[in-house]
Protein backbone atom coordinates (compact mmCIF):
# COMPACT_ATOMS: atom_id res chain seq x y z
CA MET A 1 0.00 0.00 0.00
CA PHE A 2 1.29 3.44 -0.94
CA PHE A 3 -0.26 6.60 0.57
CA ILE A 4 0.42 10.28 0.03
CA GLY A 5 -1.65 12.31 2.46
CA ILE A 6 -5.26 11.28 1.92
CA PHE A 7 -4.74 9.43 -1.41
CA GLY A 8 -3.33 5.95 -1.90
CA ILE A 9 -2.83 3.01 -4.26
CA SER A 10 -2.98 -0.61 -3.12
CA ASP A 11 -3.62 -4.19 -4.23
CA ARG A 12 -7.13 -5.41 -3.58
CA LYS A 13 -8.21 -9.06 -3.31
CA LYS A 14 -11.83 -10.12 -3.41
CA ASN A 15 -12.83 -13.72 -2.70
CA LEU A 16 -15.54 -14.77 -5.17
CA GLY A 17 -16.13 -18.14 -3.49
CA ASP A 18 -15.21 -21.77 -3.92
CA ILE A 19 -15.44 -23.44 -7.31
CA GLU A 20 -14.83 -26.84 -8.84
CA PHE A 21 -11.58 -27.03 -10.82
CA LYS A 22 -9.32 -30.04 -11.38
CA CYS A 23 -5.80 -28.90 -10.47
CA THR A 24 -3.02 -30.09 -12.78
CA GLY A 25 -0.53 -30.11 -9.89
CA CYS A 26 -2.29 -32.42 -7.43
CA LEU A 27 -5.58 -33.42 -9.16
CA ASN A 28 -7.64 -31.86 -6.34
CA LYS A 29 -11.10 -30.71 -7.46
CA LYS A 30 -11.70 -27.76 -5.08
CA ALA A 31 -10.30 -24.27 -5.53
CA LYS A 32 -10.82 -20.65 -4.53
CA PHE A 33 -11.92 -18.06 -7.09
CA ILE A 34 -10.34 -14.64 -6.47
CA GLU A 35 -10.39 -11.23 -8.16
CA VAL A 36 -7.16 -9.22 -7.83
CA ALA A 37 -6.96 -5.53 -8.84
CA MET A 38 -5.07 -2.31 -8.22
CA SER A 39 -7.19 0.26 -6.38
CA PHE A 40 -7.04 4.04 -5.98
CA GLN A 41 -8.23 5.06 -2.51
CA LEU A 42 -9.32 8.22 -0.78
CA PHE A 43 -9.23 7.97 3.04
CA PHE A 44 -8.93 4.15 2.70
CA ILE A 45 -12.13 4.03 0.61
CA PRO A 46 -11.67 2.49 -2.87
CA ILE A 47 -12.62 5.00 -5.58
CA PHE A 48 -11.78 3.00 -8.73
CA SER A 49 -9.90 -0.14 -9.73
CA TRP A 50 -7.84 -1.20 -12.74
CA ASN A 51 -5.74 -4.16 -13.90
CA LYS A 52 -8.34 -6.71 -12.77
CA ARG A 53 -7.36 -10.37 -12.96
CA HIS A 54 -9.38 -13.43 -12.00
CA LEU A 55 -7.42 -16.26 -10.38
CA VAL A 56 -8.15 -19.85 -9.43
CA ILE A 57 -6.03 -21.10 -6.49
CA CYS A 58 -5.98 -24.80 -5.56
CA ASP A 59 -6.94 -25.50 -1.93
CA VAL A 60 -4.35 -28.28 -1.52
CA CYS A 61 -1.14 -27.34 -3.35
CA GLY A 62 -1.58 -23.61 -4.00
CA SER A 63 -1.22 -23.85 -7.79
CA THR A 64 -2.49 -20.61 -9.33
CA TYR A 65 -4.18 -20.13 -12.70
CA GLN A 66 -5.35 -16.91 -14.40
CA LEU A 67 -8.68 -17.18 -16.20
CA LYS A 68 -9.69 -15.62 -19.51
CA GLU A 69 -11.91 -12.59 -19.00
CA SER A 70 -14.42 -14.02 -21.48
CA SER A 71 -14.96 -17.03 -19.18
CA VAL A 72 -15.45 -15.18 -15.88
CA LYS A 73 -19.26 -14.78 -16.04
CA ALA A 74 -19.75 -18.47 -16.85
CA VAL A 75 -17.44 -19.54 -14.03
CA ILE A 76 -19.28 -17.31 -11.52
CA SER A 77 -22.70 -18.66 -12.53
CA GLU A 78 -21.72 -22.35 -12.77
CA LYS A 79 -19.19 -22.39 -9.87
CA LYS A 80 -17.00 -24.52 -12.13
CA ALA A 81 -13.95 -23.85 -14.33
CA GLU A 82 -12.39 -25.99 -17.06
CA TYR A 83 -8.90 -26.05 -18.55
CA ALA A 84 -10.27 -24.19 -21.59
CA ASP A 85 -11.04 -21.23 -19.29
CA VAL A 86 -7.39 -20.88 -18.20
CA MET A 87 -5.35 -18.17 -19.90
CA THR A 88 -2.06 -18.65 -17.99
CA VAL A 89 -0.58 -20.93 -15.37
CA ILE A 90 1.00 -18.52 -12.87
CA TYR A 91 2.35 -21.12 -10.43
CA GLU A 92 2.12 -24.89 -10.43
CA ASN A 93 3.16 -27.00 -7.48
CA LYS A 94 3.43 -30.73 -8.16
CA VAL A 95 2.37 -32.98 -5.29
CA CYS A 96 1.41 -36.64 -5.04
CA PRO A 97 -2.39 -36.97 -5.36
CA GLU A 98 -2.36 -39.88 -2.87
CA CYS A 99 -0.31 -38.58 0.08
CA GLY A 100 0.36 -34.89 -0.70
CA GLN A 101 4.16 -35.24 -0.78
CA PRO A 102 5.78 -32.36 -2.75
CA LEU A 103 7.47 -33.61 -5.93
CA TYR A 104 10.57 -31.54 -6.49
CA HIS A 105 11.51 -33.25 -9.75
CA THR A 106 9.07 -33.56 -12.62
CA ASP A 107 10.63 -36.78 -13.93
CA TYR A 108 9.43 -38.94 -11.00
CA LYS A 109 7.44 -41.98 -12.11
CA TYR A 110 6.57 -43.05 -8.54
CA CYS A 111 6.00 -41.04 -5.37
CA PRO A 112 9.13 -41.14 -3.16
CA LYS A 113 6.97 -41.31 0.01
CA CYS A 114 4.06 -43.67 -0.69
CA GLY A 115 5.23 -45.43 -3.89
CA LYS A 116 2.06 -44.72 -5.91
CA LYS A 117 2.55 -44.48 -9.68
CA LEU A 118 2.26 -40.88 -10.84
């Protein structure tokens, strides 16, 4: 947050609820739907926002995906997102879908903790 006197600029996050989305990192099917924007404020009251982005964040591994703006209304109404709705993968954390062990190398064929085939 950056303030000069009574004016300021800050990041704003708005939780739009939980949705169904199959994560490519851990294959979990529950995620949070969030709107992130820059906001101009007067006395800590948002006046206007710009640079809006809609993100899907996996509940288990934290993988983050940015959605296409054309898909946002459908995702809000259906509470479900598909891979076709994703514009960019911002962060992807690979974990074992069985035990949740982080997979630091992408060439693993079996989980180093539980032994399940990946």
